[in-house]
Amino acid sequence: MLRPNSSSSHGAIGSFPDQSGDSLDTPRLDFEAWRALLRSNCGGEVEVTEPNAFAGWMRPLSVSGLAAAAVKIQWDSAVVDLGCNVHRVERNARDVRRNGVDHHLILFQIAGQSALTQNDQAVRLAVGDVALVDATRPVTYSTNSRSVQWLSLRLPRKSVVSHLGFELQGGLGRQGTRAGRLLFDLVRDADKDDGSASFRADSYMQLAVYDLVGALFAPSDPWPVSRHADKLFARIRGLVKDGFADPDFGPREVAAVAGISLRYLQKLFTARGTTCSEFIYSLRLDHAAHLVHRRALGTGQPLSEIAYACGFRDYPHFARKFRNRFGCAPGTHAAPHDRRADNATVRASTGERAPLAHDVWPLVV
């Protein structure tokens, strides 16, 4: 709980509704009704020193299909002097488990002052600040202002990671930045949407929202080695190994099957020194080398059939890729009299002749 502060701010940002609260177009709630609403929506308990002096408003919003809300609470200054009192909302570990949500909450301070504590870090919010809250962890909000107002935006964690390619870290951002101002305008003006936007238009606007959040809260090093990324990449390698024989199987299909964005997929491979396309072709050519070697031992499988079996649409493309990779045509790659070619085939099967995918290939087998 924060140390009480007798000063408070009652200014508003931009053209947000009038600070009286009535313009929120929602019923005024007493303390018990507010506590019940809060518990049903996000879990957690509210503690106030003077519940009889409490009033709250909440208006749900939609930012291109993303859940948001305009929230205000106030206390009757004629009844209680808040200069020496702190009121708080707390979501403890039990509330988190019971609620079972997995999202990030972007919180804009519109009027008054407040503070939040999460992960043993306390963040003070003044008018114009924006904070990032992890809904899967306990958090405490507190205020000693008579009137407090926020805008909140809820972003599913899975969608955030899929789009940005990294986990957001909670903390404080300044709305004075360009990204902060743009994001605030999108959330603030959500109630002005006439509903005429198409689903496709909303999907593009959502991407803009995610990009702005990433600009505000991206870690200084977005590519630290993480267990989550390693597990995801291992699963992607398995998906590619299962699907490379399909000529229609490319990076877009890999991303779709993995449930991540194409941009995130590209970042995962770039961080490991290759690309998804190069990795797919590496597996195709390794498999082709194996089949060509078996052909030389007596299977008699036509080279064109080997090309199709390895995901190539036509033989000329296959032959060109094969020559670039192994330095010879498929028909001469594993001739029984050519020990050098035979050794090259064995090395290719282990990935040693695949410098572009060398860092990732040993983890496939």
Protein backbone atom coordinates (compact mmCIF):
# COMPACT_ATOMS: atom_id res chain seq x y z
CA MET A 1 0.00 0.00 0.00
CA LEU A 2 1.35 3.41 -0.91
CA ARG A 3 2.05 6.10 1.64
CA PRO A 4 -0.88 8.58 1.61
CA ASN A 5 -0.43 11.81 -0.28
CA SER A 6 -2.68 14.77 0.31
CA SER A 7 -2.28 16.15 -3.22
CA SER A 8 -4.38 14.94 -6.12
CA SER A 9 -4.94 15.70 -9.79
CA HIS A 10 -8.33 16.08 -11.40
CA GLY A 11 -7.40 17.03 -14.95
CA ALA A 12 -8.57 15.15 -18.03
CA ILE A 13 -6.73 14.15 -21.19
CA GLY A 14 -7.95 15.16 -24.62
CA SER A 15 -11.69 14.99 -25.15
CA PHE A 16 -12.50 12.17 -22.76
CA PRO A 17 -16.05 12.43 -21.35
CA ASP A 18 -16.84 15.02 -18.74
CA GLN A 19 -15.33 14.25 -15.34
CA SER A 20 -18.71 14.29 -13.60
CA GLY A 21 -19.03 10.64 -14.54
CA ASP A 22 -22.65 10.95 -15.69
CA SER A 23 -21.49 11.22 -19.30
CA LEU A 24 -20.27 7.63 -19.11
CA ASP A 25 -23.89 6.71 -19.89
CA THR A 26 -23.84 3.93 -17.32
CA PRO A 27 -25.66 3.57 -14.01
CA ARG A 28 -24.00 4.94 -10.90
CA LEU A 29 -22.99 2.02 -8.69
CA ASP A 30 -22.67 1.96 -4.95
CA PHE A 31 -19.77 0.13 -3.35
CA GLU A 32 -21.43 -3.29 -3.04
CA ALA A 33 -22.66 -3.22 -6.65
CA TRP A 34 -19.21 -2.15 -7.83
CA ARG A 35 -17.49 -4.91 -5.87
CA ALA A 36 -19.86 -7.51 -7.35
CA LEU A 37 -19.24 -6.19 -10.87
CA LEU A 38 -15.48 -6.23 -10.41
CA ARG A 39 -15.55 -9.75 -8.98
CA SER A 40 -17.65 -11.08 -11.86
CA ASN A 41 -15.50 -9.44 -14.54
CA CYS A 42 -11.94 -9.93 -13.38
CA GLY A 43 -11.89 -11.30 -9.85
CA GLY A 44 -10.37 -9.50 -6.91
CA GLU A 45 -11.61 -7.62 -3.89
CA VAL A 46 -12.02 -3.89 -3.21
CA GLU A 47 -11.10 -2.25 0.08
CA VAL A 48 -12.25 1.31 0.86
CA THR A 49 -12.25 3.27 4.08
CA GLU A 50 -15.70 4.83 3.51
CA PRO A 51 -17.90 2.54 1.37
CA ASN A 52 -20.96 4.76 1.94
CA ALA A 53 -19.18 7.63 0.16
CA PHE A 54 -18.21 5.50 -2.85
CA ALA A 55 -19.64 5.72 -6.38
CA GLY A 56 -18.41 4.00 -9.54
CA TRP A 57 -19.09 3.92 -13.28
CA MET A 58 -17.95 1.51 -15.96
CA ARG A 59 -18.65 1.58 -19.70
CA PRO A 60 -17.49 -1.30 -21.91
CA LEU A 61 -15.87 -0.34 -25.23
CA SER A 62 -14.62 -2.18 -28.29
CA VAL A 63 -11.42 -1.13 -30.07
CA SER A 64 -11.74 -2.83 -33.47
CA GLY A 65 -12.99 -5.95 -31.72
CA LEU A 66 -10.61 -5.76 -28.75
CA ALA A 67 -12.20 -5.43 -25.31
CA ALA A 68 -11.77 -2.08 -23.58
CA ALA A 69 -13.52 -0.06 -20.89
CA ALA A 70 -13.92 3.45 -19.51
CA VAL A 71 -13.82 3.37 -15.71
CA LYS A 72 -14.36 5.99 -13.03
CA ILE A 73 -14.62 5.92 -9.25
CA GLN A 74 -15.07 8.80 -6.82
CA TRP A 75 -15.76 9.56 -3.20
CA ASP A 76 -17.92 12.28 -1.72
CA SER A 77 -15.46 14.87 -0.48
CA ALA A 78 -18.07 16.24 1.91
CA VAL A 79 -18.16 12.91 3.72
CA VAL A 80 -14.55 11.87 3.82
CA ASP A 81 -11.20 13.59 3.55
CA LEU A 82 -9.07 11.30 1.41
CA GLY A 83 -5.88 13.15 2.18
CA CYS A 84 -5.08 10.54 4.81
CA ASN A 85 -6.74 7.48 3.29
CA VAL A 86 -5.73 5.03 0.62
CA HIS A 87 -8.24 2.80 -1.16
CA ARG A 88 -7.21 -0.26 -3.08
CA VAL A 89 -8.26 -3.10 -5.36
CA GLU A 90 -6.38 -6.35 -5.00
CA ARG A 91 -6.22 -9.51 -7.11
CA ASN A 92 -4.36 -12.13 -5.13
CA ALA A 93 -3.03 -15.51 -6.28
CA ARG A 94 -6.34 -17.19 -5.43
CA ASP A 95 -8.27 -14.67 -7.55
CA VAL A 96 -5.90 -15.27 -10.47
CA ARG A 97 -6.35 -19.06 -10.29
CA ARG A 98 -10.11 -18.78 -9.94
CA ASN A 99 -10.47 -16.32 -12.81
CA GLY A 100 -8.23 -18.26 -15.20
CA VAL A 101 -7.66 -15.37 -17.66
CA ASP A 102 -4.50 -14.93 -19.71
CA HIS A 103 -4.24 -11.42 -21.07
CA HIS A 104 -2.38 -8.14 -20.76
CA LEU A 105 -4.17 -5.04 -19.52
CA ILE A 106 -3.13 -1.64 -20.87
CA LEU A 107 -4.18 1.00 -18.33
CA PHE A 108 -4.34 4.74 -19.15
CA GLN A 109 -4.57 7.19 -16.25
CA ILE A 110 -7.18 9.78 -17.29
CA ALA A 111 -7.83 11.68 -14.07
CA GLY A 112 -6.53 11.59 -10.53
CA GLN A 113 -3.54 9.57 -9.37
CA SER A 114 -3.13 5.88 -8.68
CA ALA A 115 -0.49 3.24 -8.25
CA LEU A 116 -0.13 -0.44 -8.98
CA THR A 117 2.17 -3.06 -7.52
CA GLN A 118 3.04 -6.25 -9.39
CA ASN A 119 6.06 -8.56 -9.35
CA ASP A 120 7.40 -6.64 -6.34
CA GLN A 121 7.53 -3.45 -8.41
CA ALA A 122 5.48 -0.35 -7.61
CA VAL A 123 4.46 2.02 -10.40
CA ARG A 124 2.93 5.44 -9.74
CA LEU A 125 0.48 6.68 -12.37
CA ALA A 126 -0.21 10.37 -12.96
CA VAL A 127 -2.48 11.84 -15.62
CA GLY A 128 -1.02 10.91 -19.01
CA ASP A 129 0.75 7.71 -17.89
CA VAL A 130 0.04 4.24 -19.23
CA ALA A 131 0.85 0.95 -17.52
CA LEU A 132 1.05 -2.67 -18.62
CA VAL A 133 -0.44 -5.27 -16.27
CA ASP A 134 -0.09 -9.06 -16.49
CA ALA A 135 -3.48 -10.60 -15.63
CA THR A 136 -1.90 -13.95 -14.77
CA ARG A 137 -0.09 -12.48 -11.75
CA PRO A 138 -1.37 -10.92 -8.53
CA VAL A 139 -1.67 -7.13 -8.62
CA THR A 140 -2.74 -4.36 -6.27
CA TYR A 141 -4.16 -1.00 -7.39
CA SER A 142 -4.39 1.88 -4.94
CA THR A 143 -5.39 5.53 -4.93
CA ASN A 144 -5.88 8.42 -2.53
CA SER A 145 -7.52 10.75 -5.06
CA ARG A 146 -11.17 11.70 -4.60
CA SER A 147 -11.90 11.11 -8.28
CA VAL A 148 -10.01 8.62 -10.43
CA GLN A 149 -10.57 7.70 -14.03
CA TRP A 150 -8.96 5.18 -16.40
CA LEU A 151 -9.21 3.75 -19.87
CA SER A 152 -8.31 0.08 -20.12
CA LEU A 153 -7.55 -2.18 -23.07
CA ARG A 154 -7.43 -5.99 -22.85
CA LEU A 155 -5.10 -7.93 -25.17
CA PRO A 156 -4.97 -11.76 -25.23
CA ARG A 157 -1.43 -12.88 -24.41
CA LYS A 158 -1.36 -15.50 -27.17
CA SER A 159 -2.24 -12.89 -29.79
CA VAL A 160 0.37 -10.47 -28.45
CA VAL A 161 3.16 -13.05 -28.57
CA SER A 162 2.04 -14.29 -31.98
CA HIS A 163 2.14 -10.79 -33.45
CA LEU A 164 5.15 -9.26 -31.71
CA GLY A 165 7.31 -12.34 -31.37
CA PHE A 166 8.22 -11.72 -27.73
CA GLU A 167 6.68 -11.55 -24.27
CA LEU A 168 5.75 -8.10 -23.00
CA GLN A 169 7.20 -7.02 -19.68
CA GLY A 170 4.96 -5.12 -17.28
CA GLY A 171 5.81 -1.57 -16.36
CA LEU A 172 5.18 2.10 -17.01
CA GLY A 173 5.08 3.96 -20.30
CA ARG A 174 4.60 7.63 -21.04
CA GLN A 175 1.64 8.66 -23.11
CA GLY A 176 3.69 11.64 -24.24
CA THR A 177 5.54 9.40 -26.67
CA ARG A 178 4.24 9.17 -30.21
CA ALA A 179 3.22 5.52 -29.78
CA GLY A 180 1.47 6.34 -26.50
CA ARG A 181 -0.54 9.21 -28.01
CA LEU A 182 -1.62 7.15 -31.02
CA LEU A 183 -2.67 4.19 -28.86
CA PHE A 184 -4.58 6.44 -26.47
CA ASP A 185 -6.44 8.07 -29.36
CA LEU A 186 -7.50 4.68 -30.70
CA VAL A 187 -8.86 3.59 -27.32
CA ARG A 188 -10.42 6.94 -26.42
CA ASP A 189 -12.26 7.23 -29.73
CA ALA A 190 -13.57 3.67 -29.68
CA ASP A 191 -17.09 4.78 -28.74
CA LYS A 192 -17.18 7.01 -31.85
CA ASP A 193 -17.04 3.99 -34.14
CA ASP A 194 -20.30 3.69 -36.06
CA GLY A 195 -19.81 -0.03 -36.66
CA SER A 196 -19.42 0.35 -40.43
CA ALA A 197 -15.86 -1.04 -40.54
CA SER A 198 -15.51 -4.46 -42.12
CA PHE A 199 -14.04 -7.46 -40.37
CA ARG A 200 -10.93 -7.14 -42.55
CA ALA A 201 -10.55 -3.47 -41.62
CA ASP A 202 -10.87 -4.34 -37.92
CA SER A 203 -8.20 -7.01 -38.27
CA TYR A 204 -5.77 -4.46 -39.72
CA MET A 205 -6.58 -2.00 -36.95
CA GLN A 206 -5.88 -4.71 -34.38
CA LEU A 207 -2.44 -5.20 -35.92
CA ALA A 208 -1.85 -1.45 -35.51
CA VAL A 209 -2.85 -1.69 -31.84
CA TYR A 210 -0.41 -4.57 -31.24
CA ASP A 211 2.39 -2.67 -32.98
CA LEU A 212 1.81 0.42 -30.83
CA VAL A 213 1.79 -1.66 -27.64
CA GLY A 214 5.03 -3.30 -28.79
CA ALA A 215 6.58 0.13 -29.39
CA LEU A 216 5.59 1.20 -25.87
CA PHE A 217 6.61 -1.87 -23.91
CA ALA A 218 9.13 -3.79 -26.03
CA PRO A 219 12.05 -5.06 -23.91
CA SER A 220 15.45 -3.56 -24.66
CA ASP A 221 16.58 -6.97 -25.95
CA PRO A 222 13.52 -8.67 -27.49
CA TRP A 223 15.51 -11.80 -28.35
CA PRO A 224 16.95 -13.24 -25.17
CA VAL A 225 17.20 -17.01 -25.12
CA SER A 226 13.94 -18.16 -23.60
CA ARG A 227 12.53 -21.55 -22.81
CA HIS A 228 9.23 -20.57 -24.40
CA ALA A 229 10.87 -19.65 -27.72
CA ASP A 230 13.00 -22.80 -27.71
CA LYS A 231 9.99 -25.03 -27.13
CA LEU A 232 8.02 -23.28 -29.82
CA PHE A 233 10.90 -23.55 -32.28
CA ALA A 234 11.30 -27.25 -31.55
CA ARG A 235 7.61 -27.75 -32.33
CA ILE A 236 7.98 -25.78 -35.57
CA ARG A 237 10.90 -27.96 -36.64
CA GLY A 238 8.70 -30.98 -36.11
CA LEU A 239 5.92 -29.44 -38.18
CA VAL A 240 8.32 -28.72 -41.03
CA LYS A 241 9.74 -32.24 -40.85
CA ASP A 242 6.22 -33.65 -41.17
CA GLY A 243 5.14 -31.36 -44.02
CA PHE A 244 8.16 -30.58 -46.23
CA ALA A 245 7.17 -33.20 -48.85
CA ASP A 246 4.10 -31.15 -49.76
CA PRO A 247 5.07 -28.69 -52.53
CA ASP A 248 2.46 -26.23 -51.19
CA PHE A 249 4.04 -26.27 -47.73
CA GLY A 250 5.87 -22.96 -47.20
CA PRO A 251 6.46 -20.40 -44.46
CA ARG A 252 2.85 -19.17 -44.51
CA GLU A 253 1.54 -22.69 -44.02
CA VAL A 254 4.07 -23.33 -41.24
CA ALA A 255 2.97 -20.17 -39.42
CA ALA A 256 -0.71 -21.08 -39.83
CA VAL A 257 -0.25 -24.61 -38.47
CA ALA A 258 1.90 -23.34 -35.58
CA GLY A 259 -0.69 -20.68 -34.74
CA ILE A 260 1.73 -17.74 -34.93
CA SER A 261 2.20 -14.80 -37.27
CA LEU A 262 4.44 -15.05 -40.32
CA ARG A 263 6.55 -12.23 -38.92
CA TYR A 264 7.13 -14.09 -35.65
CA LEU A 265 8.04 -17.24 -37.59
CA GLN A 266 10.60 -15.30 -39.60
CA LYS A 267 12.09 -13.82 -36.43
CA LEU A 268 12.48 -17.26 -34.86
CA PHE A 269 14.52 -18.48 -37.82
CA THR A 270 16.47 -15.24 -38.31
CA ALA A 271 17.60 -15.36 -34.68
CA ARG A 272 19.08 -18.80 -35.46
CA GLY A 273 20.92 -17.75 -38.59
CA THR A 274 18.60 -19.05 -41.31
CA THR A 275 15.13 -18.64 -42.80
CA CYS A 276 12.11 -20.89 -42.82
CA SER A 277 12.33 -21.33 -46.61
CA GLU A 278 15.99 -22.32 -46.41
CA PHE A 279 15.21 -24.81 -43.68
CA ILE A 280 12.39 -26.39 -45.69
CA TYR A 281 14.65 -26.75 -48.74
CA SER A 282 17.41 -28.14 -46.55
CA LEU A 283 15.12 -30.93 -45.37
CA ARG A 284 13.88 -31.59 -48.90
CA LEU A 285 17.41 -31.87 -50.26
CA ASP A 286 18.63 -34.01 -47.37
CA HIS A 287 15.76 -36.40 -48.01
CA ALA A 288 16.48 -36.30 -51.75
CA ALA A 289 20.14 -37.17 -51.13
CA HIS A 290 19.02 -40.16 -49.10
CA LEU A 291 16.67 -41.37 -51.86
CA VAL A 292 19.30 -40.81 -54.56
CA HIS A 293 21.77 -42.86 -52.54
CA ARG A 294 19.24 -45.68 -52.21
CA ARG A 295 18.58 -45.44 -55.97
CA ALA A 296 22.30 -45.96 -56.63
CA LEU A 297 22.19 -49.05 -54.43
CA GLY A 298 19.49 -50.61 -56.57
CA THR A 299 16.00 -49.20 -55.95
CA GLY A 300 15.85 -47.80 -59.48
CA GLN A 301 13.48 -45.04 -58.41
CA PRO A 302 13.20 -42.43 -61.21
CA LEU A 303 14.82 -39.10 -60.41
CA SER A 304 11.64 -37.25 -61.34
CA GLU A 305 9.73 -39.32 -58.81
CA ILE A 306 12.32 -38.52 -56.16
CA ALA A 307 11.90 -34.82 -56.92
CA TYR A 308 8.13 -35.00 -56.45
CA ALA A 309 8.46 -37.11 -53.30
CA CYS A 310 10.67 -34.40 -51.76
CA GLY A 311 8.28 -31.50 -52.42
CA PHE A 312 9.55 -30.17 -55.75
CA ARG A 313 6.97 -29.37 -58.42
CA ASP A 314 9.27 -30.01 -61.38
CA TYR A 315 12.55 -31.78 -62.07
CA PRO A 316 14.55 -28.78 -63.45
CA HIS A 317 13.96 -26.86 -60.20
CA PHE A 318 14.94 -29.91 -58.18
CA ALA A 319 18.09 -30.50 -60.26
CA ARG A 320 19.16 -26.87 -59.94
CA LYS A 321 18.68 -26.82 -56.16
CA PHE A 322 20.41 -30.18 -55.83
CA ARG A 323 23.44 -29.04 -57.85
CA ASN A 324 23.72 -25.84 -55.82
CA ARG A 325 23.65 -27.81 -52.60
CA PHE A 326 25.87 -30.80 -53.44
CA GLY A 327 27.91 -29.60 -56.39
CA CYS A 328 26.75 -32.27 -58.83
CA ALA A 329 23.66 -33.43 -60.69
CA PRO A 330 21.29 -35.86 -58.92
CA GLY A 331 22.10 -38.63 -61.41
CA THR A 332 25.80 -38.58 -60.56
CA HIS A 333 25.56 -37.77 -56.88
CA ALA A 334 25.89 -41.29 -55.48
CA ALA A 335 27.37 -43.41 -58.27
CA PRO A 336 28.75 -46.64 -56.77
CA HIS A 337 32.25 -45.93 -58.11
CA ASP A 338 32.34 -42.40 -56.69
CA ARG A 339 33.37 -42.79 -53.07
CA ARG A 340 33.63 -39.01 -52.71
CA ALA A 341 29.99 -38.58 -53.75
CA ASP A 342 28.95 -41.43 -51.48
CA ASN A 343 30.62 -39.75 -48.52
CA ALA A 344 28.91 -36.48 -49.43
CA THR A 345 25.56 -38.24 -49.25
CA VAL A 346 26.27 -39.53 -45.77
CA ARG A 347 27.37 -36.10 -44.60
CA ALA A 348 24.25 -34.52 -46.06
CA SER A 349 22.05 -36.93 -44.15
CA THR A 350 23.48 -35.64 -40.89
CA GLY A 351 23.21 -32.01 -41.85
CA GLU A 352 26.94 -31.30 -42.12
CA ARG A 353 26.61 -30.19 -45.75
CA ALA A 354 23.74 -27.81 -44.95
CA PRO A 355 25.50 -24.68 -43.72
CA LEU A 356 22.36 -22.54 -44.01
CA ALA A 357 20.43 -24.78 -41.68
CA HIS A 358 23.33 -26.21 -39.73
CA ASP A 359 22.30 -24.60 -36.47
CA VAL A 360 18.81 -26.02 -36.55
CA TRP A 361 19.13 -29.34 -38.36
CA PRO A 362 20.78 -31.37 -35.54
CA LEU A 363 17.72 -30.63 -33.37
CA VAL A 364 15.32 -32.16 -35.88
CA VAL A 365 16.55 -35.72 -35.70
